[in-house]
Amino acid sequence: MKVLAVETATSWQSVAILEDSRVLACHEQDAAGSHAKLLLPTIDRLFRETGLSLKQLDGLVVSIGPGSFTGLRVGLATLLGFRTISQLPLAIVPTLEGLAWNLSGSSALLCPVLNSRRGELYWAQFRWTGEGRLERVVPEQVGTPAMLGSSLTESALLFGEGWTTEAPAIRASISHTMTVTEAPEAAMKPSAVSIGLAGIERLRRGERAGIGISPLYVQRTAAELKYEESGGISPVVLRQQRVAKKMTARAGTQKGRRS
């Protein structure tokens, strides 16, 4: 099965053409803020290198997120356009799951980590089974490094750009009874090869993206963010405190006038 795989969830753009488990061509580069300009020329370059065309492929695969909103939209919109033109089946792969494919066959609990907005992180936990299947242990989450560290209930292998930038903060919140291991450098960045391998498995199972798909945005609600900013005090209690403060100030003013 020949597929075109695209990974644009982060500033690291990765594009590959695979035939089953064999990589026919791959190009990766830092494309921060430039996915819209670089993606199509990169795909065209890979077609030239392999001598293939869109109609000679068997499927399309794209990373669906979480990650950069702009990057995800560019990657998804491009392959949706290709699907419309070619009528090829499209598989969508969650970005953190694709990262776990970087360490295919590992016996460790895998915790890929990506940077989010507001200084927060995306993460999930996976484990490869004895049958060679990737099992999702904890679904996609978003939160602070401390929240990630406290979510780990056993020793794990951590990796990804979020781990690279926030390792000290994550380590500080992990129980001393657990061991955290850092994955090799080669596994740290999202890869279109890994996305492609995961997508091929999906296509072989008959899993195809439907109509009206959108990127996987894993974001905490505004209410949750306000709750955290308030120090864990509910909006009702905050309002009660504001009212009480005003009443106290008003009572003090009236007392001053009487005296």
Protein backbone atom coordinates (compact mmCIF):
# COMPACT_ATOMS: atom_id res chain seq x y z
CA MET A 1 0.00 0.00 0.00
CA LYS A 2 1.46 3.34 -1.07
CA VAL A 3 0.48 6.41 0.96
CA LEU A 4 1.35 10.08 1.25
CA ALA A 5 1.71 11.02 4.93
CA VAL A 6 1.76 14.60 6.26
CA GLU A 7 2.68 15.82 9.76
CA THR A 8 2.19 19.56 10.42
CA ALA A 9 1.01 19.59 14.05
CA THR A 10 4.09 21.44 15.27
CA SER A 11 6.69 23.78 13.79
CA TRP A 12 8.52 20.65 12.58
CA GLN A 13 7.04 19.76 9.17
CA SER A 14 7.46 16.16 8.05
CA VAL A 15 6.22 14.67 4.77
CA ALA A 16 6.76 11.11 3.53
CA ILE A 17 5.69 8.63 0.88
CA LEU A 18 5.62 5.03 2.09
CA GLU A 19 4.98 1.68 0.49
CA ASP A 20 3.89 -0.53 3.37
CA SER A 21 6.78 -0.27 5.88
CA ARG A 22 9.29 0.99 3.31
CA VAL A 23 10.04 4.72 3.12
CA LEU A 24 10.20 5.77 -0.54
CA ALA A 25 10.92 9.43 0.22
CA CYS A 26 10.86 11.74 3.23
CA HIS A 27 11.57 15.41 3.82
CA GLU A 28 11.60 17.19 7.18
CA GLN A 29 12.27 20.80 8.11
CA ASP A 30 11.56 23.56 10.59
CA ALA A 31 8.52 25.32 9.14
CA ALA A 32 7.46 27.57 12.02
CA GLY A 33 4.66 29.76 10.68
CA SER A 34 5.37 28.69 7.09
CA HIS A 35 3.43 25.45 6.60
CA ALA A 36 1.13 27.13 4.08
CA LYS A 37 4.11 28.13 1.92
CA LEU A 38 6.21 24.98 2.31
CA LEU A 39 3.83 22.03 2.33
CA LEU A 40 2.74 21.83 -1.32
CA PRO A 41 6.27 22.40 -2.72
CA THR A 42 7.55 19.65 -0.40
CA ILE A 43 4.87 17.20 -1.55
CA ASP A 44 5.67 18.04 -5.18
CA ARG A 45 9.35 17.40 -4.46
CA LEU A 46 8.63 13.93 -3.08
CA PHE A 47 6.51 13.04 -6.09
CA ARG A 48 9.40 14.02 -8.34
CA GLU A 49 11.89 12.01 -6.28
CA THR A 50 9.78 8.85 -6.39
CA GLY A 51 8.41 9.26 -9.90
CA LEU A 52 4.93 8.77 -8.49
CA SER A 53 1.77 10.81 -8.90
CA LEU A 54 -1.31 11.23 -6.74
CA LYS A 55 -3.31 8.74 -8.81
CA GLN A 56 -0.70 6.04 -8.20
CA LEU A 57 -1.19 6.12 -4.44
CA ASP A 58 -3.52 3.89 -2.43
CA GLY A 59 -4.27 6.30 0.38
CA LEU A 60 -3.57 9.53 2.26
CA VAL A 61 -2.65 9.98 5.92
CA VAL A 62 -2.55 13.17 8.02
CA SER A 63 -1.79 14.06 11.62
CA ILE A 64 -4.97 15.39 13.26
CA GLY A 65 -3.65 16.97 16.48
CA PRO A 66 -3.42 18.21 19.12
CA GLY A 67 -0.87 20.83 18.16
CA SER A 68 -0.52 24.15 16.36
CA PHE A 69 -3.95 25.32 15.20
CA THR A 70 -2.55 26.84 12.01
CA GLY A 71 -0.30 23.89 11.17
CA LEU A 72 -3.10 21.38 11.70
CA ARG A 73 -5.51 23.32 9.49
CA VAL A 74 -2.94 23.56 6.68
CA GLY A 75 -2.15 19.84 6.73
CA LEU A 76 -5.76 18.72 6.97
CA ALA A 77 -7.06 21.16 4.34
CA THR A 78 -4.34 20.09 1.90
CA LEU A 79 -5.07 16.37 2.17
CA LEU A 80 -8.82 16.95 2.12
CA GLY A 81 -8.27 18.73 -1.18
CA PHE A 82 -6.21 15.80 -2.45
CA ARG A 83 -8.97 13.42 -1.38
CA THR A 84 -11.56 15.41 -3.29
CA ILE A 85 -9.43 15.35 -6.44
CA SER A 86 -8.32 11.72 -6.26
CA GLN A 87 -11.12 10.01 -4.29
CA LEU A 88 -8.39 8.24 -2.31
CA PRO A 89 -9.22 7.05 1.22
CA LEU A 90 -7.93 9.33 3.98
CA ALA A 91 -6.78 8.15 7.42
CA ILE A 92 -6.39 10.58 10.32
CA VAL A 93 -3.92 9.85 13.12
CA PRO A 94 -3.78 11.67 16.49
CA THR A 95 -0.40 13.41 16.76
CA LEU A 96 0.52 11.96 20.16
CA GLU A 97 -0.31 8.48 18.91
CA GLY A 98 1.95 9.10 15.93
CA LEU A 99 4.75 10.06 18.34
CA ALA A 100 4.25 6.75 20.15
CA TRP A 101 4.89 5.01 16.82
CA ASN A 102 8.37 6.54 16.92
CA LEU A 103 9.08 3.91 19.59
CA SER A 104 7.28 0.98 18.01
CA GLY A 105 7.62 -2.21 20.05
CA SER A 106 8.95 -0.53 23.21
CA SER A 107 8.13 -2.37 26.42
CA ALA A 108 7.91 0.84 28.47
CA LEU A 109 4.88 2.99 29.23
CA LEU A 110 5.14 5.79 26.65
CA CYS A 111 4.22 9.39 27.45
CA PRO A 112 4.66 11.69 24.42
CA VAL A 113 4.47 15.41 25.26
CA LEU A 114 3.86 18.47 23.07
CA ASN A 115 3.80 22.17 23.86
CA SER A 116 0.40 23.84 24.08
CA ARG A 117 -0.67 27.45 24.45
CA ARG A 118 -0.47 29.44 27.71
CA GLY A 119 2.65 27.56 28.81
CA GLU A 120 0.76 24.29 29.09
CA LEU A 121 1.38 20.84 27.62
CA TYR A 122 -0.45 18.14 25.69
CA TRP A 123 0.21 14.54 26.64
CA ALA A 124 -1.18 11.01 26.52
CA GLN A 125 0.02 7.58 27.62
CA PHE A 126 0.41 4.49 25.44
CA ARG A 127 1.69 0.95 25.70
CA TRP A 128 2.65 -1.57 23.01
CA THR A 129 1.02 -4.94 23.65
CA GLY A 130 2.57 -8.35 23.09
CA GLU A 131 0.48 -8.67 19.94
CA GLY A 132 2.12 -5.59 18.43
CA ARG A 133 -0.86 -3.30 18.96
CA LEU A 134 -0.63 0.21 20.41
CA GLU A 135 -2.94 0.59 23.40
CA ARG A 136 -4.04 4.03 24.62
CA VAL A 137 -3.69 3.98 28.42
CA VAL A 138 -4.56 7.65 29.06
CA PRO A 139 -6.28 9.76 26.36
CA GLU A 140 -5.09 13.18 25.21
CA GLN A 141 -4.80 15.69 28.06
CA VAL A 142 -3.83 19.34 28.39
CA GLY A 143 -2.52 21.07 31.48
CA THR A 144 0.51 22.27 33.41
CA PRO A 145 3.76 20.33 33.79
CA ALA A 146 2.74 19.63 37.40
CA MET A 147 -0.55 18.13 36.23
CA LEU A 148 1.32 15.87 33.81
CA GLY A 149 3.74 14.73 36.50
CA SER A 150 0.95 13.93 38.95
CA SER A 151 -0.90 11.93 36.27
CA LEU A 152 1.90 9.36 36.06
CA THR A 153 1.14 6.34 38.21
CA GLU A 154 4.11 4.23 37.09
CA SER A 155 7.57 4.62 35.59
CA ALA A 156 7.47 5.87 32.01
CA LEU A 157 9.45 6.90 28.96
CA LEU A 158 8.86 10.60 28.20
CA PHE A 159 9.65 12.35 24.95
CA GLY A 160 8.57 15.09 22.54
CA GLU A 161 9.17 18.84 22.36
CA GLY A 162 7.10 19.44 25.50
CA TRP A 163 9.37 17.16 27.48
CA THR A 164 12.44 18.88 26.03
CA THR A 165 11.26 22.31 27.21
CA GLU A 166 9.60 21.38 30.51
CA ALA A 167 11.57 18.36 31.80
CA PRO A 168 12.70 20.01 35.10
CA ALA A 169 9.16 21.11 35.99
CA ILE A 170 7.71 17.70 35.11
CA ARG A 171 10.38 15.84 37.09
CA ALA A 172 9.73 18.05 40.14
CA SER A 173 6.11 16.88 40.30
CA ILE A 174 6.73 13.14 39.85
CA SER A 175 6.67 10.79 42.82
CA HIS A 176 10.13 9.75 44.02
CA THR A 177 8.99 6.12 43.77
CA MET A 178 8.82 6.31 39.97
CA THR A 179 11.54 6.38 37.36
CA VAL A 180 11.34 8.68 34.35
CA THR A 181 13.47 7.82 31.34
CA GLU A 182 14.16 10.12 28.39
CA ALA A 183 13.71 8.65 24.91
CA PRO A 184 16.49 8.84 22.29
CA GLU A 185 16.84 12.11 20.37
CA ALA A 186 15.58 10.44 17.18
CA ALA A 187 12.17 9.88 18.81
CA MET A 188 11.64 13.45 20.02
CA LYS A 189 10.04 14.98 16.91
CA PRO A 190 6.78 14.08 15.16
CA SER A 191 7.43 12.05 12.02
CA ALA A 192 5.39 11.58 8.86
CA VAL A 193 6.90 8.09 8.64
CA SER A 194 5.33 7.14 11.98
CA ILE A 195 2.07 8.86 11.04
CA GLY A 196 2.11 6.94 7.76
CA LEU A 197 2.69 3.57 9.45
CA ALA A 198 -0.17 4.19 11.87
CA GLY A 199 -2.37 5.38 9.00
CA ILE A 200 -1.65 2.32 6.85
CA GLU A 201 -2.78 0.11 9.72
CA ARG A 202 -6.00 2.12 9.96
CA LEU A 203 -6.68 1.95 6.23
CA ARG A 204 -6.15 -1.82 6.26
CA ARG A 205 -8.79 -2.07 8.98
CA GLY A 206 -11.14 -0.09 6.77
CA GLU A 207 -10.99 3.08 8.86
CA ARG A 208 -11.51 6.13 6.66
CA ALA A 209 -12.06 9.74 7.64
CA GLY A 210 -15.63 10.86 7.08
CA ILE A 211 -17.09 14.12 5.87
CA GLY A 212 -16.79 17.23 8.02
CA ILE A 213 -13.71 16.19 9.99
CA SER A 214 -11.76 18.84 11.90
CA PRO A 215 -8.48 18.96 13.83
CA LEU A 216 -8.33 17.43 17.29
CA TYR A 217 -8.15 20.47 19.57
CA VAL A 218 -7.57 19.47 23.17
CA GLN A 219 -8.06 22.65 25.19
CA ARG A 220 -9.28 23.35 28.67
CA THR A 221 -12.44 25.41 28.90
CA ALA A 222 -12.37 29.10 29.81
CA ALA A 223 -14.15 28.21 33.06
CA GLU A 224 -11.35 25.80 34.03
CA LEU A 225 -8.67 28.40 33.27
CA LYS A 226 -10.47 31.07 35.32
CA TYR A 227 -10.89 28.58 38.16
CA GLU A 228 -7.14 27.87 38.17
CA GLU A 229 -6.25 31.59 37.92
CA SER A 230 -8.44 32.24 40.96
CA GLY A 231 -6.37 29.83 43.03
CA GLY A 232 -9.02 27.12 42.99
CA ILE A 233 -11.89 29.29 44.23
CA SER A 234 -15.24 28.85 42.50
CA PRO A 235 -16.88 31.82 40.69
CA VAL A 236 -19.75 31.77 43.24
CA VAL A 237 -17.37 32.11 46.18
CA LEU A 238 -15.40 34.84 44.37
CA ARG A 239 -18.61 36.81 43.83
CA GLN A 240 -19.57 36.37 47.49
CA GLN A 241 -16.14 37.66 48.52
CA ARG A 242 -16.47 40.71 46.25
CA VAL A 243 -19.92 41.51 47.61
CA ALA A 244 -18.71 41.12 51.20
CA LYS A 245 -15.74 43.39 50.50
CA LYS A 246 -17.99 46.08 49.03
CA MET A 247 -20.42 45.84 51.95
CA THR A 248 -17.55 46.15 54.45
CA ALA A 249 -16.16 49.19 52.63
CA ARG A 250 -19.61 50.80 52.47
CA ALA A 251 -20.22 50.18 56.17
CA GLY A 252 -16.88 51.75 56.98
CA THR A 253 -17.72 54.85 54.94
CA GLN A 254 -21.10 55.28 56.61
CA LYS A 255 -19.54 54.91 60.07
CA GLY A 256 -16.98 57.59 59.22
CA ARG A 257 -19.75 60.00 58.20
CA ARG A 258 -21.69 59.49 61.43
CA SER A 259 -18.64 60.14 63.55
